[in-house]
Amino acid sequence: MEKIIRTIIFLLLICLAVPSPVWAKERIVQLNLSGCADCNAAGRIERILKKTKGVKKHINKGHGLLIITFDDEITTLNMIVDELKRGKLFVEGEAIFLK
């Protein structure tokens, strides 16, 4: 019995000692954007998302299709969408969470 209690205490201490980024939840979302017809939209998307904290990477598939990987402990989908709106890029339809 004492060995079980020691094991439980040990595991709890490990859980507390592990930094929180290990527990962060990575999300992947697909967005359809309007305002991507001009030739500089890819550059604008790049600049906006590089400055948005919590965005780990993004893939611009072209024709307004954008896939974004982000840390949901640092940012939210709404915060990302707001940053895109400030750059005159607007999300059309519903966001699709891939992960």
C-alpha atoms as a PDB file:
ATOM      1  CA  MET A   1       0.000   0.000   0.000  1.00  0.00           C
ATOM      2  CA  GLU A   2       2.807   2.386   0.916  1.00  0.00           C
ATOM      3  CA  LYS A   3       4.480   1.697  -2.442  1.00  0.00           C
ATOM      4  CA  ILE A   4       1.292   2.651  -4.293  1.00  0.00           C
ATOM      5  CA  ILE A   5       1.011   5.929  -2.381  1.00  0.00           C
ATOM      6  CA  ARG A   6       4.660   6.751  -3.137  1.00  0.00           C
ATOM      7  CA  THR A   7       4.099   6.015  -6.810  1.00  0.00           C
ATOM      8  CA  ILE A   8       1.038   8.272  -6.925  1.00  0.00           C
ATOM      9  CA  ILE A   9       2.895  11.101  -5.178  1.00  0.00           C
ATOM     10  CA  PHE A  10       5.839  10.674  -7.551  1.00  0.00           C
ATOM     11  CA  LEU A  11       3.570  10.856 -10.614  1.00  0.00           C
ATOM     12  CA  LEU A  12       1.814  13.946  -9.266  1.00  0.00           C
ATOM     13  CA  LEU A  13       5.155  15.664  -8.718  1.00  0.00           C
ATOM     14  CA  ILE A  14       6.189  14.864 -12.277  1.00  0.00           C
ATOM     15  CA  CYS A  15       2.925  16.343 -13.582  1.00  0.00           C
ATOM     16  CA  LEU A  16       3.518  19.532 -11.621  1.00  0.00           C
ATOM     17  CA  ALA A  17       7.155  19.784 -12.696  1.00  0.00           C
ATOM     18  CA  VAL A  18       6.485  19.489 -16.438  1.00  0.00           C
ATOM     19  CA  PRO A  19       6.216  22.953 -18.024  1.00  0.00           C
ATOM     20  CA  SER A  20       2.797  24.011 -19.264  1.00  0.00           C
ATOM     21  CA  PRO A  21       3.704  24.136 -23.007  1.00  0.00           C
ATOM     22  CA  VAL A  22       3.770  20.344 -22.913  1.00  0.00           C
ATOM     23  CA  TRP A  23       0.088  20.455 -22.003  1.00  0.00           C
ATOM     24  CA  ALA A  24      -0.776  23.132 -24.584  1.00  0.00           C
ATOM     25  CA  LYS A  25      -3.251  22.005 -27.153  1.00  0.00           C
ATOM     26  CA  GLU A  26      -2.229  22.460 -30.745  1.00  0.00           C
ATOM     27  CA  ARG A  27      -5.125  23.247 -33.057  1.00  0.00           C
ATOM     28  CA  ILE A  28      -5.214  23.182 -36.838  1.00  0.00           C
ATOM     29  CA  VAL A  29      -7.908  25.159 -38.608  1.00  0.00           C
ATOM     30  CA  GLN A  30      -8.850  25.687 -42.241  1.00  0.00           C
ATOM     31  CA  LEU A  31     -10.150  29.106 -43.258  1.00  0.00           C
ATOM     32  CA  ASN A  32     -11.533  30.472 -46.507  1.00  0.00           C
ATOM     33  CA  LEU A  33     -10.564  34.096 -46.997  1.00  0.00           C
ATOM     34  CA  SER A  34     -11.909  36.845 -49.215  1.00  0.00           C
ATOM     35  CA  GLY A  35      -9.747  39.802 -50.170  1.00  0.00           C
ATOM     36  CA  CYS A  36      -7.106  37.450 -51.567  1.00  0.00           C
ATOM     37  CA  ALA A  37      -7.504  38.408 -55.197  1.00  0.00           C
ATOM     38  CA  ASP A  38      -4.778  41.064 -55.226  1.00  0.00           C
ATOM     39  CA  CYS A  39      -1.163  40.061 -55.838  1.00  0.00           C
ATOM     40  CA  ASN A  40       0.040  41.095 -52.363  1.00  0.00           C
ATOM     41  CA  ALA A  41      -2.422  39.006 -50.328  1.00  0.00           C
ATOM     42  CA  ALA A  42       0.097  36.209 -49.729  1.00  0.00           C
ATOM     43  CA  GLY A  43       2.575  38.727 -48.352  1.00  0.00           C
ATOM     44  CA  ARG A  44      -0.070  40.316 -46.136  1.00  0.00           C
ATOM     45  CA  ILE A  45      -1.139  36.925 -44.791  1.00  0.00           C
ATOM     46  CA  GLU A  46       2.507  36.062 -44.063  1.00  0.00           C
ATOM     47  CA  ARG A  47       3.151  39.330 -42.192  1.00  0.00           C
ATOM     48  CA  ILE A  48      -0.081  39.174 -40.194  1.00  0.00           C
ATOM     49  CA  LEU A  49       0.316  35.572 -39.063  1.00  0.00           C
ATOM     50  CA  LYS A  50       4.024  35.913 -38.227  1.00  0.00           C
ATOM     51  CA  LYS A  51       3.115  38.747 -35.843  1.00  0.00           C
ATOM     52  CA  THR A  52       0.192  36.868 -34.281  1.00  0.00           C
ATOM     53  CA  LYS A  53       1.364  35.244 -31.054  1.00  0.00           C
ATOM     54  CA  GLY A  54       0.507  31.577 -30.775  1.00  0.00           C
ATOM     55  CA  VAL A  55       0.467  30.901 -34.516  1.00  0.00           C
ATOM     56  CA  LYS A  56       3.015  28.144 -35.067  1.00  0.00           C
ATOM     57  CA  LYS A  57       2.747  27.826 -38.833  1.00  0.00           C
ATOM     58  CA  HIS A  58       0.448  28.421 -41.734  1.00  0.00           C
ATOM     59  CA  ILE A  59       0.034  27.126 -45.245  1.00  0.00           C
ATOM     60  CA  ASN A  60      -1.482  29.347 -47.902  1.00  0.00           C
ATOM     61  CA  LYS A  61      -3.031  26.916 -50.383  1.00  0.00           C
ATOM     62  CA  GLY A  62      -4.051  29.741 -52.723  1.00  0.00           C
ATOM     63  CA  HIS A  63      -7.497  30.831 -53.865  1.00  0.00           C
ATOM     64  CA  GLY A  64      -8.259  31.999 -50.335  1.00  0.00           C
ATOM     65  CA  LEU A  65      -7.663  28.635 -48.633  1.00  0.00           C
ATOM     66  CA  LEU A  66      -5.512  28.964 -45.530  1.00  0.00           C
ATOM     67  CA  ILE A  67      -4.491  26.302 -42.994  1.00  0.00           C
ATOM     68  CA  ILE A  68      -3.227  27.582 -39.643  1.00  0.00           C
ATOM     69  CA  THR A  69      -1.613  25.680 -36.766  1.00  0.00           C
ATOM     70  CA  PHE A  70      -1.817  27.504 -33.443  1.00  0.00           C
ATOM     71  CA  ASP A  71      -1.427  27.026 -29.693  1.00  0.00           C
ATOM     72  CA  ASP A  72      -4.836  27.477 -28.085  1.00  0.00           C
ATOM     73  CA  GLU A  73      -3.295  28.436 -24.735  1.00  0.00           C
ATOM     74  CA  ILE A  74      -1.737  31.518 -26.341  1.00  0.00           C
ATOM     75  CA  THR A  75      -4.310  32.548 -28.926  1.00  0.00           C
ATOM     76  CA  THR A  76      -7.807  31.726 -30.129  1.00  0.00           C
ATOM     77  CA  LEU A  77      -9.429  31.412 -33.515  1.00  0.00           C
ATOM     78  CA  ASN A  78     -11.291  34.677 -32.868  1.00  0.00           C
ATOM     79  CA  MET A  79      -8.030  36.512 -32.174  1.00  0.00           C
ATOM     80  CA  ILE A  80      -6.523  35.189 -35.411  1.00  0.00           C
ATOM     81  CA  VAL A  81      -9.627  36.161 -37.396  1.00  0.00           C
ATOM     82  CA  ASP A  82      -9.531  39.663 -35.858  1.00  0.00           C
ATOM     83  CA  GLU A  83      -5.888  40.083 -36.908  1.00  0.00           C
ATOM     84  CA  LEU A  84      -6.744  38.998 -40.450  1.00  0.00           C
ATOM     85  CA  LYS A  85      -9.652  41.490 -40.522  1.00  0.00           C
ATOM     86  CA  ARG A  86      -7.285  44.295 -39.537  1.00  0.00           C
ATOM     87  CA  GLY A  87      -5.273  43.352 -42.623  1.00  0.00           C
ATOM     88  CA  LYS A  88      -8.414  43.581 -44.792  1.00  0.00           C
ATOM     89  CA  LEU A  89      -8.699  39.800 -45.108  1.00  0.00           C
ATOM     90  CA  PHE A  90     -12.074  38.361 -44.192  1.00  0.00           C
ATOM     91  CA  VAL A  91     -13.091  34.811 -43.336  1.00  0.00           C
ATOM     92  CA  GLU A  92     -15.915  33.452 -45.478  1.00  0.00           C
ATOM     93  CA  GLY A  93     -18.113  30.678 -44.143  1.00  0.00           C
ATOM     94  CA  GLU A  94     -17.306  28.523 -41.152  1.00  0.00           C
ATOM     95  CA  ALA A  95     -13.851  27.617 -39.937  1.00  0.00           C
ATOM     96  CA  ILE A  96     -13.099  23.903 -40.155  1.00  0.00           C
ATOM     97  CA  PHE A  97     -11.037  22.450 -37.321  1.00  0.00           C
ATOM     98  CA  LEU A  98      -8.780  19.714 -38.656  1.00  0.00           C
ATOM     99  CA  LYS A  99      -7.299  18.975 -35.232  1.00  0.00           C
END
